[in-house]
Amino acid sequence: MINVVIIDDHILFAKGLERIINETCKVKVTGIAHTGSAGIRLLKMELPDVLLLDISLPDTDGITLCGEIKKLFPTLKILALTSYSEYTMVRRMMESGASGYVLKNALAEEMLEGIQTVAEGERFLCHEIDVLMKKDSNPSIWLTPTERKLLKLIVDGFTNPEIAEKMFLSVESINTYRKKLLFKLGARNTAVLVRIAIEEKLV
């Protein structure tokens, strides 16, 4: 039996995934956490064989958390579970110690295959991500015109209220776009975002 812990802030999704997993006779969910801090507390109580880790969490990002968890529990196998299919995101997550990467829209069979594969010590990429990674080992990062304009203003040092005024958007909208940019480029904070933007010549 493969024991699994899920860290995902989407409660309904996590519950649905738990039900699918527990219907099998080979894999069992032993715990669910909806924040990074709660996830670490759960792992300290009872270490599973595999951790299903969402990249987008309310108190941290999965890339940073993945690295922290691997330092605390080096033998734990981590399978990234996310809606993000950008090359940079996959690369950074794998570099942080994840053994696999599965999109949330993957079929249940593929999800279970991923769990079993990483539990056996192998690397696993769901079909869509596998195709993406094989296309080009160094593809350009694609940004929408709005994202590119926002990134330029962030690099230039403007604050969110100033950016909102320049782009004729609300501060809330700018916050949302900024968060999406951080995840899209695999950056844990604005300083890293600016560095990536300059290194990748995105502005």
N, C-alpha and C. Protein backbone atom coordinates (compact mmCIF):
# COMPACT_ATOMS: atom_id res chain seq x y z
N MET A 1 0.84 -1.21 0.00
CA MET A 1 0.00 0.00 0.00
C MET A 1 0.87 1.25 0.00
N ILE A 2 0.58 2.17 -0.91
CA ILE A 2 1.32 3.43 -0.99
C ILE A 2 0.51 4.48 -0.22
N ASN A 3 1.11 5.06 0.82
CA ASN A 3 0.45 6.11 1.59
C ASN A 3 0.75 7.48 0.99
N VAL A 4 -0.30 8.29 0.88
CA VAL A 4 -0.19 9.59 0.20
C VAL A 4 -0.76 10.70 1.08
N VAL A 5 -0.10 11.84 1.08
CA VAL A 5 -0.62 13.06 1.70
C VAL A 5 -0.84 14.08 0.59
N ILE A 6 -1.94 14.84 0.69
CA ILE A 6 -2.26 15.87 -0.30
C ILE A 6 -2.15 17.24 0.35
N ILE A 7 -1.40 18.16 -0.28
CA ILE A 7 -1.39 19.56 0.15
C ILE A 7 -1.96 20.38 -1.00
N ASP A 8 -3.19 20.84 -0.84
CA ASP A 8 -3.89 21.56 -1.90
C ASP A 8 -4.96 22.44 -1.26
N ASP A 9 -5.00 23.71 -1.64
CA ASP A 9 -5.95 24.63 -1.00
C ASP A 9 -7.36 24.55 -1.59
N HIS A 10 -7.53 23.81 -2.69
CA HIS A 10 -8.86 23.64 -3.25
C HIS A 10 -9.52 22.44 -2.56
N ILE A 11 -10.36 22.73 -1.58
CA ILE A 11 -10.91 21.69 -0.71
C ILE A 11 -11.71 20.64 -1.48
N LEU A 12 -12.59 21.09 -2.38
CA LEU A 12 -13.41 20.14 -3.13
C LEU A 12 -12.56 19.25 -4.03
N PHE A 13 -11.55 19.86 -4.67
CA PHE A 13 -10.66 19.08 -5.54
C PHE A 13 -9.91 18.03 -4.72
N ALA A 14 -9.38 18.45 -3.56
CA ALA A 14 -8.61 17.54 -2.72
C ALA A 14 -9.49 16.38 -2.23
N LYS A 15 -10.73 16.69 -1.86
CA LYS A 15 -11.65 15.64 -1.40
C LYS A 15 -11.99 14.68 -2.54
N GLY A 16 -12.22 15.24 -3.74
CA GLY A 16 -12.52 14.40 -4.88
C GLY A 16 -11.35 13.49 -5.23
N LEU A 17 -10.14 14.04 -5.16
CA LEU A 17 -8.94 13.26 -5.45
C LEU A 17 -8.75 12.16 -4.40
N GLU A 18 -9.03 12.50 -3.15
CA GLU A 18 -8.93 11.51 -2.07
C GLU A 18 -9.87 10.33 -2.35
N ARG A 19 -11.08 10.64 -2.79
CA ARG A 19 -12.05 9.59 -3.07
C ARG A 19 -11.58 8.67 -4.20
N ILE A 20 -11.05 9.30 -5.26
CA ILE A 20 -10.55 8.52 -6.40
C ILE A 20 -9.40 7.62 -5.99
N ILE A 21 -8.47 8.18 -5.21
CA ILE A 21 -7.30 7.41 -4.78
C ILE A 21 -7.70 6.25 -3.87
N ASN A 22 -8.59 6.53 -2.93
CA ASN A 22 -8.97 5.52 -1.96
C ASN A 22 -9.83 4.39 -2.55
N GLU A 23 -10.33 4.63 -3.77
CA GLU A 23 -11.11 3.58 -4.43
C GLU A 23 -10.19 2.47 -4.97
N THR A 24 -8.90 2.76 -5.06
CA THR A 24 -7.95 1.76 -5.52
C THR A 24 -7.53 0.89 -4.34
N CYS A 25 -6.92 -0.22 -4.63
CA CYS A 25 -6.46 -1.10 -3.54
C CYS A 25 -4.96 -0.98 -3.32
N LYS A 26 -4.31 -0.05 -4.07
CA LYS A 26 -2.86 0.07 -3.97
C LYS A 26 -2.40 1.37 -3.31
N VAL A 27 -3.30 2.38 -3.30
CA VAL A 27 -2.92 3.70 -2.80
C VAL A 27 -3.96 4.19 -1.79
N LYS A 28 -3.48 4.87 -0.73
CA LYS A 28 -4.38 5.37 0.30
C LYS A 28 -3.96 6.77 0.75
N VAL A 29 -4.93 7.68 0.84
CA VAL A 29 -4.66 9.03 1.35
C VAL A 29 -4.72 9.00 2.87
N THR A 30 -3.62 9.37 3.50
CA THR A 30 -3.56 9.35 4.96
C THR A 30 -3.76 10.72 5.59
N GLY A 31 -3.78 11.78 4.75
CA GLY A 31 -3.99 13.11 5.29
C GLY A 31 -4.08 14.17 4.21
N ILE A 32 -4.79 15.26 4.51
CA ILE A 32 -4.93 16.39 3.59
C ILE A 32 -4.67 17.67 4.35
N ALA A 33 -3.89 18.58 3.75
CA ALA A 33 -3.67 19.91 4.32
C ALA A 33 -3.96 20.95 3.24
N HIS A 34 -4.41 22.13 3.66
CA HIS A 34 -4.80 23.14 2.69
C HIS A 34 -3.86 24.36 2.68
N THR A 35 -2.82 24.32 3.49
CA THR A 35 -1.78 25.36 3.48
C THR A 35 -0.42 24.68 3.60
N GLY A 36 0.62 25.42 3.25
CA GLY A 36 1.96 24.87 3.35
C GLY A 36 2.36 24.56 4.78
N SER A 37 2.06 25.48 5.70
CA SER A 37 2.44 25.28 7.11
C SER A 37 1.72 24.09 7.72
N ALA A 38 0.42 23.95 7.38
CA ALA A 38 -0.34 22.80 7.89
C ALA A 38 0.20 21.51 7.29
N GLY A 39 0.65 21.58 6.04
CA GLY A 39 1.21 20.42 5.37
C GLY A 39 2.47 19.91 6.05
N ILE A 40 3.36 20.83 6.43
CA ILE A 40 4.60 20.44 7.10
C ILE A 40 4.29 19.81 8.46
N ARG A 41 3.31 20.39 9.18
CA ARG A 41 2.92 19.82 10.48
C ARG A 41 2.40 18.39 10.29
N LEU A 42 1.61 18.20 9.24
CA LEU A 42 1.05 16.88 8.95
C LEU A 42 2.15 15.86 8.62
N LEU A 43 3.13 16.30 7.83
CA LEU A 43 4.22 15.41 7.44
C LEU A 43 5.08 15.01 8.64
N LYS A 44 5.21 15.93 9.59
CA LYS A 44 6.01 15.64 10.79
C LYS A 44 5.33 14.60 11.67
N MET A 45 4.00 14.54 11.59
CA MET A 45 3.24 13.58 12.40
C MET A 45 3.38 12.16 11.85
N GLU A 46 3.25 12.03 10.54
CA GLU A 46 3.37 10.71 9.91
C GLU A 46 3.79 10.88 8.46
N LEU A 47 5.00 10.46 8.14
CA LEU A 47 5.54 10.66 6.80
C LEU A 47 4.96 9.63 5.82
N PRO A 48 4.37 10.10 4.73
CA PRO A 48 3.82 9.18 3.72
C PRO A 48 4.91 8.72 2.75
N ASP A 49 4.52 7.93 1.78
CA ASP A 49 5.45 7.52 0.72
C ASP A 49 5.54 8.60 -0.36
N VAL A 50 4.38 9.22 -0.64
CA VAL A 50 4.30 10.22 -1.71
C VAL A 50 3.51 11.43 -1.23
N LEU A 51 3.99 12.61 -1.60
CA LEU A 51 3.27 13.86 -1.32
C LEU A 51 2.76 14.44 -2.63
N LEU A 52 1.45 14.70 -2.70
CA LEU A 52 0.88 15.42 -3.84
C LEU A 52 0.85 16.89 -3.46
N LEU A 53 1.64 17.70 -4.14
CA LEU A 53 1.83 19.09 -3.73
C LEU A 53 1.35 20.07 -4.78
N ASP A 54 0.37 20.88 -4.39
CA ASP A 54 -0.12 21.95 -5.27
C ASP A 54 0.94 23.05 -5.33
N ILE A 55 1.07 23.70 -6.46
CA ILE A 55 2.06 24.78 -6.59
C ILE A 55 1.52 26.10 -6.05
N SER A 56 0.21 26.31 -6.16
CA SER A 56 -0.41 27.55 -5.70
C SER A 56 -1.07 27.34 -4.34
N LEU A 57 -0.47 27.94 -3.30
CA LEU A 57 -0.99 27.81 -1.95
C LEU A 57 -1.17 29.19 -1.32
N PRO A 58 -2.07 29.34 -0.36
CA PRO A 58 -2.36 30.67 0.19
C PRO A 58 -1.23 31.28 1.01
N ASP A 59 -0.37 30.45 1.61
CA ASP A 59 0.67 30.99 2.48
C ASP A 59 2.08 30.87 1.92
N THR A 60 2.23 30.22 0.79
CA THR A 60 3.56 30.07 0.16
C THR A 60 3.37 29.55 -1.26
N ASP A 61 4.46 29.46 -2.01
CA ASP A 61 4.36 28.83 -3.33
C ASP A 61 4.97 27.43 -3.25
N GLY A 62 4.44 26.54 -4.06
CA GLY A 62 4.84 25.15 -4.00
C GLY A 62 6.29 24.91 -4.34
N ILE A 63 6.89 25.77 -5.14
CA ILE A 63 8.29 25.60 -5.53
C ILE A 63 9.20 25.78 -4.31
N THR A 64 8.96 26.86 -3.57
CA THR A 64 9.73 27.11 -2.35
C THR A 64 9.47 26.02 -1.32
N LEU A 65 8.18 25.68 -1.16
CA LEU A 65 7.80 24.67 -0.18
C LEU A 65 8.40 23.31 -0.52
N CYS A 66 8.46 22.98 -1.79
CA CYS A 66 9.03 21.71 -2.23
C CYS A 66 10.48 21.59 -1.76
N GLY A 67 11.24 22.65 -1.96
CA GLY A 67 12.64 22.65 -1.52
C GLY A 67 12.78 22.50 -0.02
N GLU A 68 11.90 23.20 0.74
CA GLU A 68 11.93 23.13 2.20
C GLU A 68 11.59 21.72 2.68
N ILE A 69 10.57 21.12 2.05
CA ILE A 69 10.15 19.78 2.45
C ILE A 69 11.24 18.74 2.16
N LYS A 70 11.92 18.88 1.01
CA LYS A 70 12.98 17.93 0.67
C LYS A 70 14.16 18.02 1.64
N LYS A 71 14.39 19.22 2.19
CA LYS A 71 15.45 19.38 3.19
C LYS A 71 15.06 18.69 4.49
N LEU A 72 13.77 18.80 4.85
CA LEU A 72 13.28 18.19 6.08
C LEU A 72 13.12 16.68 5.95
N PHE A 73 12.65 16.25 4.76
CA PHE A 73 12.37 14.83 4.54
C PHE A 73 12.98 14.40 3.20
N PRO A 74 14.28 14.16 3.17
CA PRO A 74 14.98 13.88 1.91
C PRO A 74 14.47 12.66 1.14
N THR A 75 13.90 11.69 1.85
CA THR A 75 13.46 10.46 1.17
C THR A 75 12.04 10.55 0.62
N LEU A 76 11.31 11.61 0.99
CA LEU A 76 9.92 11.74 0.55
C LEU A 76 9.85 12.00 -0.95
N LYS A 77 8.98 11.29 -1.63
CA LYS A 77 8.76 11.50 -3.06
C LYS A 77 7.65 12.53 -3.25
N ILE A 78 7.93 13.56 -4.03
CA ILE A 78 6.96 14.64 -4.23
C ILE A 78 6.47 14.66 -5.67
N LEU A 79 5.16 14.66 -5.83
CA LEU A 79 4.53 14.74 -7.14
C LEU A 79 3.79 16.07 -7.21
N ALA A 80 4.29 16.99 -8.06
CA ALA A 80 3.65 18.30 -8.21
C ALA A 80 2.27 18.13 -8.84
N LEU A 81 1.32 18.86 -8.30
CA LEU A 81 -0.07 18.77 -8.76
C LEU A 81 -0.55 20.19 -9.02
N THR A 82 -0.79 20.54 -10.28
CA THR A 82 -1.01 21.95 -10.59
C THR A 82 -1.79 22.15 -11.89
N SER A 83 -2.21 23.40 -12.10
CA SER A 83 -2.87 23.77 -13.35
C SER A 83 -1.89 24.46 -14.29
N TYR A 84 -0.68 24.73 -13.79
CA TYR A 84 0.32 25.47 -14.57
C TYR A 84 1.12 24.53 -15.47
N SER A 85 1.13 24.86 -16.76
CA SER A 85 1.84 23.99 -17.72
C SER A 85 2.99 24.71 -18.42
N GLU A 86 3.51 25.79 -17.80
CA GLU A 86 4.63 26.51 -18.39
C GLU A 86 5.95 25.75 -18.17
N TYR A 87 6.80 25.79 -19.16
CA TYR A 87 8.09 25.10 -19.09
C TYR A 87 8.90 25.52 -17.87
N THR A 88 8.97 26.84 -17.65
CA THR A 88 9.76 27.36 -16.53
C THR A 88 9.27 26.82 -15.20
N MET A 89 7.94 26.73 -15.05
CA MET A 89 7.35 26.23 -13.81
C MET A 89 7.75 24.77 -13.58
N VAL A 90 7.66 23.96 -14.62
CA VAL A 90 8.02 22.55 -14.51
C VAL A 90 9.48 22.41 -14.14
N ARG A 91 10.33 23.14 -14.85
CA ARG A 91 11.78 23.05 -14.61
C ARG A 91 12.13 23.43 -13.17
N ARG A 92 11.57 24.52 -12.68
CA ARG A 92 11.90 24.98 -11.33
C ARG A 92 11.37 24.03 -10.26
N MET A 93 10.20 23.46 -10.51
CA MET A 93 9.64 22.53 -9.55
C MET A 93 10.50 21.26 -9.46
N MET A 94 10.94 20.78 -10.62
CA MET A 94 11.78 19.58 -10.64
C MET A 94 13.14 19.88 -10.00
N GLU A 95 13.67 21.07 -10.24
CA GLU A 95 14.95 21.45 -9.65
C GLU A 95 14.84 21.58 -8.13
N SER A 96 13.63 21.86 -7.64
CA SER A 96 13.42 22.00 -6.19
C SER A 96 13.27 20.65 -5.49
N GLY A 97 13.25 19.58 -6.28
CA GLY A 97 13.22 18.26 -5.67
C GLY A 97 12.02 17.39 -5.98
N ALA A 98 11.09 17.90 -6.79
CA ALA A 98 9.93 17.08 -7.15
C ALA A 98 10.36 15.91 -8.03
N SER A 99 9.70 14.78 -7.86
CA SER A 99 10.00 13.60 -8.68
C SER A 99 9.07 13.49 -9.88
N GLY A 100 8.00 14.28 -9.85
CA GLY A 100 7.05 14.21 -10.95
C GLY A 100 6.18 15.45 -11.04
N TYR A 101 5.44 15.55 -12.13
CA TYR A 101 4.63 16.73 -12.40
C TYR A 101 3.35 16.29 -13.12
N VAL A 102 2.21 16.56 -12.51
CA VAL A 102 0.92 16.16 -13.09
C VAL A 102 -0.03 17.34 -13.10
N LEU A 103 -0.71 17.54 -14.22
CA LEU A 103 -1.70 18.60 -14.31
C LEU A 103 -3.01 18.14 -13.68
N LYS A 104 -3.75 19.09 -13.11
CA LYS A 104 -4.99 18.75 -12.43
C LYS A 104 -6.07 18.22 -13.37
N ASN A 105 -5.92 18.50 -14.67
CA ASN A 105 -6.91 18.00 -15.63
C ASN A 105 -6.54 16.61 -16.18
N ALA A 106 -5.48 16.03 -15.61
CA ALA A 106 -5.06 14.69 -16.06
C ALA A 106 -6.12 13.65 -15.69
N LEU A 107 -6.16 12.57 -16.43
CA LEU A 107 -7.09 11.48 -16.13
C LEU A 107 -6.69 10.82 -14.81
N ALA A 108 -7.68 10.25 -14.13
CA ALA A 108 -7.43 9.60 -12.85
C ALA A 108 -6.37 8.51 -12.99
N GLU A 109 -6.43 7.77 -14.10
CA GLU A 109 -5.47 6.70 -14.33
C GLU A 109 -4.04 7.24 -14.39
N GLU A 110 -3.89 8.40 -15.04
CA GLU A 110 -2.57 9.00 -15.17
C GLU A 110 -2.07 9.51 -13.81
N MET A 111 -2.98 10.06 -13.01
CA MET A 111 -2.64 10.52 -11.67
C MET A 111 -2.13 9.36 -10.82
N LEU A 112 -2.84 8.24 -10.88
CA LEU A 112 -2.46 7.06 -10.10
C LEU A 112 -1.14 6.47 -10.61
N GLU A 113 -0.96 6.51 -11.93
CA GLU A 113 0.30 6.04 -12.50
C GLU A 113 1.46 6.89 -12.00
N GLY A 114 1.23 8.20 -11.90
CA GLY A 114 2.26 9.10 -11.40
C GLY A 114 2.64 8.80 -9.97
N ILE A 115 1.64 8.55 -9.14
CA ILE A 115 1.88 8.22 -7.73
C ILE A 115 2.72 6.95 -7.62
N GLN A 116 2.32 5.93 -8.36
CA GLN A 116 3.03 4.65 -8.29
C GLN A 116 4.45 4.76 -8.84
N THR A 117 4.62 5.55 -9.90
CA THR A 117 5.94 5.70 -10.53
C THR A 117 6.93 6.39 -9.60
N VAL A 118 6.53 7.53 -9.00
CA VAL A 118 7.46 8.25 -8.12
C VAL A 118 7.70 7.46 -6.83
N ALA A 119 6.70 6.70 -6.39
CA ALA A 119 6.87 5.88 -5.19
C ALA A 119 7.96 4.83 -5.41
N GLU A 120 8.11 4.40 -6.66
CA GLU A 120 9.14 3.41 -7.01
C GLU A 120 10.50 4.05 -7.29
N GLY A 121 10.57 5.37 -7.12
CA GLY A 121 11.85 6.04 -7.28
C GLY A 121 12.13 6.54 -8.68
N GLU A 122 11.12 6.50 -9.54
CA GLU A 122 11.29 6.96 -10.92
C GLU A 122 10.70 8.35 -11.11
N ARG A 123 11.11 9.02 -12.19
CA ARG A 123 10.55 10.33 -12.52
C ARG A 123 9.29 10.15 -13.35
N PHE A 124 8.31 11.04 -13.15
CA PHE A 124 7.06 10.95 -13.91
C PHE A 124 6.59 12.32 -14.36
N LEU A 125 6.26 12.42 -15.64
CA LEU A 125 5.63 13.62 -16.18
C LEU A 125 4.34 13.17 -16.88
N CYS A 126 3.23 13.86 -16.60
CA CYS A 126 2.00 13.49 -17.30
C CYS A 126 2.19 13.75 -18.79
N HIS A 127 1.35 13.16 -19.61
CA HIS A 127 1.55 13.19 -21.05
C HIS A 127 1.73 14.61 -21.60
N GLU A 128 0.84 15.51 -21.19
CA GLU A 128 0.89 16.88 -21.72
C GLU A 128 2.21 17.57 -21.38
N ILE A 129 2.69 17.38 -20.16
CA ILE A 129 3.95 17.99 -19.74
C ILE A 129 5.14 17.31 -20.41
N ASP A 130 5.07 16.01 -20.59
CA ASP A 130 6.13 15.27 -21.26
C ASP A 130 6.33 15.80 -22.67
N VAL A 131 5.22 16.03 -23.37
CA VAL A 131 5.28 16.57 -24.74
C VAL A 131 5.88 17.97 -24.72
N LEU A 132 5.46 18.78 -23.74
CA LEU A 132 5.98 20.15 -23.62
C LEU A 132 7.49 20.15 -23.42
N MET A 133 7.98 19.29 -22.52
CA MET A 133 9.41 19.28 -22.20
C MET A 133 10.26 18.77 -23.36
N LYS A 134 9.68 17.89 -24.18
CA LYS A 134 10.44 17.33 -25.30
C LYS A 134 10.47 18.26 -26.51
N LYS A 135 9.52 19.20 -26.55
CA LYS A 135 9.47 20.13 -27.70
C LYS A 135 10.76 20.94 -27.82
N ASP A 136 11.15 21.46 -26.68
CA ASP A 136 12.33 22.32 -26.69
C ASP A 136 12.87 22.41 -25.27
N SER A 137 14.13 22.18 -25.11
CA SER A 137 14.72 22.24 -23.78
C SER A 137 14.91 23.67 -23.29
N ASN A 138 14.74 24.63 -24.16
CA ASN A 138 14.90 26.03 -23.75
C ASN A 138 13.96 26.93 -24.55
N PRO A 139 12.65 26.73 -24.41
CA PRO A 139 11.72 27.53 -25.18
C PRO A 139 11.58 28.94 -24.60
N SER A 140 11.09 29.85 -25.39
CA SER A 140 10.85 31.19 -24.89
C SER A 140 9.61 31.19 -24.01
N ILE A 141 9.57 32.08 -23.05
CA ILE A 141 8.43 32.19 -22.16
C ILE A 141 7.39 33.07 -22.83
N TRP A 142 6.16 32.57 -22.95
CA TRP A 142 5.13 33.33 -23.64
C TRP A 142 4.32 34.13 -22.63
N LEU A 143 4.25 35.43 -22.86
CA LEU A 143 3.45 36.31 -22.01
C LEU A 143 2.42 37.04 -22.87
N THR A 144 1.27 37.32 -22.28
CA THR A 144 0.26 38.12 -22.97
C THR A 144 0.75 39.57 -23.02
N PRO A 145 0.21 40.40 -23.91
CA PRO A 145 0.61 41.82 -23.97
C PRO A 145 0.43 42.52 -22.62
N THR A 146 -0.67 42.20 -21.92
CA THR A 146 -0.92 42.81 -20.62
C THR A 146 0.13 42.38 -19.61
N GLU A 147 0.47 41.09 -19.60
CA GLU A 147 1.48 40.58 -18.68
C GLU A 147 2.84 41.19 -18.97
N ARG A 148 3.15 41.35 -20.24
CA ARG A 148 4.45 41.92 -20.62
C ARG A 148 4.55 43.39 -20.20
N LYS A 149 3.44 44.12 -20.38
CA LYS A 149 3.42 45.53 -19.99
C LYS A 149 3.57 45.65 -18.48
N LEU A 150 2.84 44.82 -17.75
CA LEU A 150 2.92 44.83 -16.29
C LEU A 150 4.33 44.50 -15.82
N LEU A 151 4.93 43.49 -16.43
CA LEU A 151 6.29 43.08 -16.05
C LEU A 151 7.28 44.22 -16.26
N LYS A 152 7.13 44.94 -17.35
CA LYS A 152 8.02 46.07 -17.65
C LYS A 152 7.90 47.13 -16.55
N LEU A 153 6.67 47.42 -16.12
CA LEU A 153 6.44 48.43 -15.09
C LEU A 153 6.98 47.97 -13.74
N ILE A 154 6.88 46.65 -13.46
CA ILE A 154 7.42 46.11 -12.21
C ILE A 154 8.95 46.24 -12.21
N VAL A 155 9.56 45.87 -13.34
CA VAL A 155 11.02 45.98 -13.47
C VAL A 155 11.47 47.43 -13.32
N ASP A 156 10.65 48.36 -13.81
CA ASP A 156 10.98 49.79 -13.71
C ASP A 156 10.76 50.35 -12.31
N GLY A 157 10.23 49.52 -11.41
CA GLY A 157 10.13 49.92 -10.01
C GLY A 157 8.85 50.60 -9.59
N PHE A 158 7.82 50.56 -10.41
CA PHE A 158 6.55 51.20 -10.05
C PHE A 158 5.79 50.35 -9.03
N THR A 159 5.05 51.02 -8.15
CA THR A 159 4.23 50.32 -7.15
C THR A 159 2.92 49.86 -7.79
N ASN A 160 2.20 48.99 -7.09
CA ASN A 160 0.93 48.50 -7.62
C ASN A 160 -0.08 49.62 -7.91
N PRO A 161 -0.26 50.59 -6.98
CA PRO A 161 -1.19 51.69 -7.27
C PRO A 161 -0.75 52.51 -8.50
N GLU A 162 0.56 52.72 -8.65
CA GLU A 162 1.06 53.47 -9.81
C GLU A 162 0.83 52.68 -11.10
N ILE A 163 1.05 51.38 -11.03
CA ILE A 163 0.84 50.52 -12.21
C ILE A 163 -0.64 50.50 -12.58
N ALA A 164 -1.51 50.41 -11.55
CA ALA A 164 -2.95 50.39 -11.79
C ALA A 164 -3.39 51.65 -12.52
N GLU A 165 -2.84 52.79 -12.13
CA GLU A 165 -3.19 54.06 -12.77
C GLU A 165 -2.69 54.10 -14.21
N LYS A 166 -1.49 53.60 -14.45
CA LYS A 166 -0.92 53.63 -15.80
C LYS A 166 -1.63 52.66 -16.74
N MET A 167 -2.12 51.53 -16.19
CA MET A 167 -2.75 50.51 -17.04
C MET A 167 -4.28 50.60 -17.03
N PHE A 168 -4.79 51.61 -16.30
CA PHE A 168 -6.24 51.83 -16.22
C PHE A 168 -6.96 50.58 -15.70
N LEU A 169 -6.37 49.99 -14.66
CA LEU A 169 -6.96 48.82 -14.02
C LEU A 169 -7.03 49.06 -12.52
N SER A 170 -7.82 48.26 -11.81
CA SER A 170 -7.90 48.38 -10.36
C SER A 170 -6.65 47.77 -9.73
N VAL A 171 -6.37 48.18 -8.50
CA VAL A 171 -5.22 47.63 -7.78
C VAL A 171 -5.42 46.13 -7.57
N GLU A 172 -6.68 45.71 -7.35
CA GLU A 172 -6.98 44.28 -7.18
C GLU A 172 -6.61 43.49 -8.43
N SER A 173 -6.92 44.06 -9.60
CA SER A 173 -6.58 43.40 -10.86
C SER A 173 -5.07 43.29 -11.04
N ILE A 174 -4.36 44.33 -10.65
CA ILE A 174 -2.90 44.32 -10.76
C ILE A 174 -2.33 43.25 -9.83
N ASN A 175 -2.89 43.15 -8.62
CA ASN A 175 -2.43 42.12 -7.68
C ASN A 175 -2.62 40.73 -8.27
N THR A 176 -3.76 40.52 -8.92
CA THR A 176 -4.05 39.22 -9.54
C THR A 176 -3.07 38.94 -10.67
N TYR A 177 -2.85 39.93 -11.54
CA TYR A 177 -1.90 39.76 -12.65
C TYR A 177 -0.49 39.51 -12.14
N ARG A 178 -0.11 40.22 -11.08
CA ARG A 178 1.24 40.06 -10.52
C ARG A 178 1.43 38.64 -9.98
N LYS A 179 0.40 38.13 -9.29
CA LYS A 179 0.47 36.78 -8.74
C LYS A 179 0.61 35.75 -9.87
N LYS A 180 -0.14 35.96 -10.95
CA LYS A 180 -0.06 35.04 -12.09
C LYS A 180 1.33 35.07 -12.72
N LEU A 181 1.91 36.27 -12.78
CA LEU A 181 3.26 36.41 -13.34
C LEU A 181 4.28 35.65 -12.49
N LEU A 182 4.16 35.78 -11.17
CA LEU A 182 5.08 35.09 -10.27
C LEU A 182 5.06 33.59 -10.51
N PHE A 183 3.84 33.04 -10.62
CA PHE A 183 3.72 31.60 -10.83
C PHE A 183 4.16 31.21 -12.24
N LYS A 184 3.81 32.03 -13.22
CA LYS A 184 4.14 31.70 -14.61
C LYS A 184 5.65 31.63 -14.82
N LEU A 185 6.37 32.52 -14.15
CA LEU A 185 7.83 32.56 -14.31
C LEU A 185 8.54 31.76 -13.21
N GLY A 186 7.77 31.16 -12.31
CA GLY A 186 8.37 30.35 -11.26
C GLY A 186 9.17 31.16 -10.27
N ALA A 187 8.73 32.40 -10.00
CA ALA A 187 9.45 33.28 -9.09
C ALA A 187 8.76 33.31 -7.73
N ARG A 188 9.54 33.26 -6.65
CA ARG A 188 8.93 33.24 -5.31
C ARG A 188 8.65 34.65 -4.78
N ASN A 189 9.28 35.66 -5.37
CA ASN A 189 9.01 37.03 -4.95
C ASN A 189 9.34 38.00 -6.09
N THR A 190 9.10 39.29 -5.86
CA THR A 190 9.30 40.29 -6.91
C THR A 190 10.76 40.41 -7.34
N ALA A 191 11.66 40.30 -6.38
CA ALA A 191 13.09 40.42 -6.71
C ALA A 191 13.51 39.32 -7.70
N VAL A 192 13.04 38.10 -7.44
CA VAL A 192 13.36 36.98 -8.35
C VAL A 192 12.66 37.20 -9.69
N LEU A 193 11.44 37.72 -9.65
CA LEU A 193 10.69 38.00 -10.88
C LEU A 193 11.45 38.97 -11.77
N VAL A 194 11.97 40.03 -11.17
CA VAL A 194 12.74 41.03 -11.92
C VAL A 194 14.00 40.41 -12.51
N ARG A 195 14.68 39.58 -11.72
CA ARG A 195 15.91 38.94 -12.20
C ARG A 195 15.63 38.04 -13.40
N ILE A 196 14.56 37.24 -13.30
CA ILE A 196 14.19 36.35 -14.41
C ILE A 196 13.83 37.16 -15.65
N ALA A 197 13.09 38.24 -15.46
CA ALA A 197 12.67 39.07 -16.58
C ALA A 197 13.88 39.63 -17.34
N ILE A 198 14.90 40.01 -16.59
CA ILE A 198 16.12 40.57 -17.21
C ILE A 198 16.93 39.44 -17.85
N GLU A 199 17.10 38.32 -17.12
CA GLU A 199 17.91 37.21 -17.64
C GLU A 199 17.30 36.62 -18.92
N GLU A 200 15.97 36.50 -18.94
CA GLU A 200 15.29 35.90 -20.08
C GLU A 200 14.95 36.93 -21.18
N LYS A 201 15.38 38.21 -20.93
CA LYS A 201 15.13 39.31 -21.87
C LYS A 201 13.64 39.43 -22.22
N LEU A 202 12.84 39.44 -21.17
CA LEU A 202 11.39 39.54 -21.34
C LEU A 202 10.91 40.98 -21.39
N VAL A 203 11.80 41.91 -21.03
CA VAL A 203 11.44 43.34 -21.07
C VAL A 203 12.52 44.11 -21.82
